[in-house]
């Protein structure tokens, strides 16, 4: 019970929650990207990548991959093929800059809190050890 409610477990859950929120955000963006690609039947990223002949799973995984690469410095061969897709991609990139920076800052803060907690525990055990040594216990 004590271990489950420890600071370390809480901080790990906080990071895991942040990762889940990133995945939910990327899922929503991927669905929107697929929808934007379906908007223009003649010229779109789905046709450009020859995904119009594939099943939905292939198209969704490509859209999710595109979304994830907008949030990280990863390579991607899926590109906007019309003005609507370019506008949407630009908005996503601006959103991604803020969201990903915020996520990294949250992880940094969490790790700093974890370090401070461990330092505090170390000081506490050091004082306790010193107390027992001084009294020959």
Protein backbone atom coordinates (compact mmCIF):
# COMPACT_ATOMS: atom_id res chain seq x y z
CA UNK A 1 0.00 0.00 0.00
CA UNK A 2 2.78 2.41 0.95
CA UNK A 3 4.74 1.57 -2.19
CA UNK A 4 1.72 2.15 -4.44
CA UNK A 5 1.18 5.62 -3.03
CA UNK A 6 4.86 6.55 -3.02
CA UNK A 7 6.22 9.62 -4.72
CA UNK A 8 7.97 7.51 -7.35
CA UNK A 9 4.78 5.69 -8.33
CA UNK A 10 2.88 8.97 -8.52
CA UNK A 11 5.53 10.54 -10.74
CA UNK A 12 5.63 7.49 -13.03
CA UNK A 13 1.85 7.63 -13.33
CA UNK A 14 2.11 11.33 -14.16
CA UNK A 15 4.52 10.64 -17.04
CA UNK A 16 2.37 7.72 -18.24
CA UNK A 17 -0.69 10.00 -18.14
CA UNK A 18 1.18 12.57 -20.24
CA UNK A 19 2.07 9.89 -22.79
CA UNK A 20 -1.58 8.77 -22.93
CA UNK A 21 -2.69 12.36 -23.51
CA UNK A 22 -0.12 12.68 -26.31
CA UNK A 23 -1.47 9.51 -27.94
CA UNK A 24 -5.08 10.71 -27.63
CA UNK A 25 -4.10 14.07 -29.15
CA UNK A 26 -2.27 12.30 -31.98
CA UNK A 27 -5.25 9.99 -32.56
CA UNK A 28 -7.58 12.99 -32.93
CA UNK A 29 -5.15 14.75 -35.27
CA UNK A 30 -4.71 11.55 -37.31
CA UNK A 31 -8.47 11.22 -37.72
CA UNK A 32 -8.70 14.88 -38.77
CA UNK A 33 -5.76 14.42 -41.18
CA UNK A 34 -7.52 11.45 -42.75
CA UNK A 35 -10.72 13.52 -42.99
CA UNK A 36 -8.88 16.44 -44.58
CA UNK A 37 -7.34 13.99 -47.04
CA UNK A 38 -10.79 12.70 -47.94
CA UNK A 39 -12.09 16.24 -48.50
CA UNK A 40 -10.73 16.61 -52.04
CA UNK A 41 -11.38 13.44 -54.01
CA UNK A 42 -9.02 14.32 -56.88
CA UNK A 43 -5.82 15.55 -55.26
CA UNK A 44 -4.96 14.52 -51.70
CA UNK A 45 -2.28 12.82 -49.63
CA UNK A 46 -4.22 9.54 -49.58
CA UNK A 47 -4.13 9.26 -53.37
CA UNK A 48 -0.57 10.57 -53.55
CA UNK A 49 0.55 7.73 -51.24
CA UNK A 50 -1.64 5.17 -53.12
CA UNK A 51 -3.57 4.47 -49.92
CA UNK A 52 -6.97 4.88 -51.60
CA UNK A 53 -6.74 1.23 -52.65
CA UNK A 54 -5.75 0.02 -49.17
CA UNK A 55 -7.98 -0.84 -46.22
CA UNK A 56 -8.80 1.67 -43.47
CA UNK A 57 -6.17 0.24 -41.10
CA UNK A 58 -3.36 1.04 -43.54
CA UNK A 59 -4.66 4.58 -44.07
CA UNK A 60 -5.20 5.19 -40.35
CA UNK A 61 -1.72 3.93 -39.43
CA UNK A 62 -0.23 6.24 -42.09
CA UNK A 63 -2.25 9.17 -40.72
CA UNK A 64 -1.17 8.35 -37.14
CA UNK A 65 2.44 8.11 -38.27
CA UNK A 66 2.11 11.51 -39.96
CA UNK A 67 0.61 12.97 -36.79
CA UNK A 68 3.35 11.58 -34.55
CA UNK A 69 6.07 12.93 -36.83
CA UNK A 70 4.61 16.42 -36.55
CA UNK A 71 5.30 16.31 -32.80
CA UNK A 72 8.84 14.97 -33.01
CA UNK A 73 11.87 15.57 -35.20
CA UNK A 74 11.20 12.37 -37.17
CA UNK A 75 11.22 11.86 -40.92
CA UNK A 76 8.04 11.46 -42.89
CA UNK A 77 7.27 10.83 -46.54
CA UNK A 78 3.59 11.85 -46.31
CA UNK A 79 3.15 15.41 -47.56
CA UNK A 80 0.16 17.70 -48.07
CA UNK A 81 -1.04 17.66 -51.67
CA UNK A 82 -3.51 20.58 -51.73
CA UNK A 83 -4.13 23.95 -50.06
CA UNK A 84 -6.49 22.63 -47.37
CA UNK A 85 -4.01 19.94 -46.36
CA UNK A 86 -1.17 22.49 -46.24
CA UNK A 87 -3.22 24.82 -44.05
CA UNK A 88 -4.15 21.97 -41.71
CA UNK A 89 -0.52 20.77 -41.56
CA UNK A 90 0.64 24.30 -40.69
CA UNK A 91 -1.85 24.57 -37.84
CA UNK A 92 -0.81 21.13 -36.55
CA UNK A 93 2.87 22.06 -36.61
CA UNK A 94 2.19 25.22 -34.59
CA UNK A 95 0.09 23.21 -32.14
CA UNK A 96 2.75 20.50 -31.95
CA UNK A 97 5.48 22.98 -31.02
CA UNK A 98 3.54 24.08 -27.95
CA UNK A 99 2.20 20.67 -26.91
CA UNK A 100 5.48 18.80 -27.30
CA UNK A 101 7.46 21.54 -25.53
CA UNK A 102 4.96 21.47 -22.70
CA UNK A 103 5.19 17.68 -22.48
CA UNK A 104 9.01 17.77 -22.33
CA UNK A 105 8.87 20.50 -19.67
CA UNK A 106 6.45 18.36 -17.65
CA UNK A 107 8.78 15.36 -17.82
CA UNK A 108 11.74 17.53 -16.81
CA UNK A 109 9.80 18.93 -13.87
CA UNK A 110 8.71 15.44 -12.83
CA UNK A 111 12.29 14.13 -12.95
CA UNK A 112 13.49 17.14 -10.96
CA UNK A 113 10.81 16.45 -8.33
CA UNK A 114 11.90 12.82 -8.20
CA UNK A 115 15.54 13.85 -7.69
CA UNK A 116 14.57 16.25 -4.91
CA UNK A 117 12.50 13.53 -3.24
CA UNK A 118 15.40 11.08 -3.38
CA UNK A 119 17.79 13.73 -2.04
CA UNK A 120 15.42 14.43 0.84
CA UNK A 121 15.18 10.70 1.65
CA UNK A 122 18.97 10.39 1.49
CA UNK A 123 19.39 13.30 3.92
CA UNK A 124 16.81 11.77 6.25
CA UNK A 125 18.57 8.37 6.30
CA UNK A 126 21.94 10.06 6.74
CA UNK A 127 20.70 11.94 9.82
CA UNK A 128 19.13 8.77 11.19
CA UNK A 129 22.38 6.85 10.65
CA UNK A 130 24.35 9.65 12.34
CA UNK A 131 21.92 9.60 15.29
CA UNK A 132 22.40 5.84 15.79
CA UNK A 133 26.20 6.09 15.44
CA UNK A 134 26.50 8.91 17.99
CA UNK A 135 24.54 6.87 20.53
CA UNK A 136 26.26 3.60 19.70
CA UNK A 137 22.97 1.92 18.87
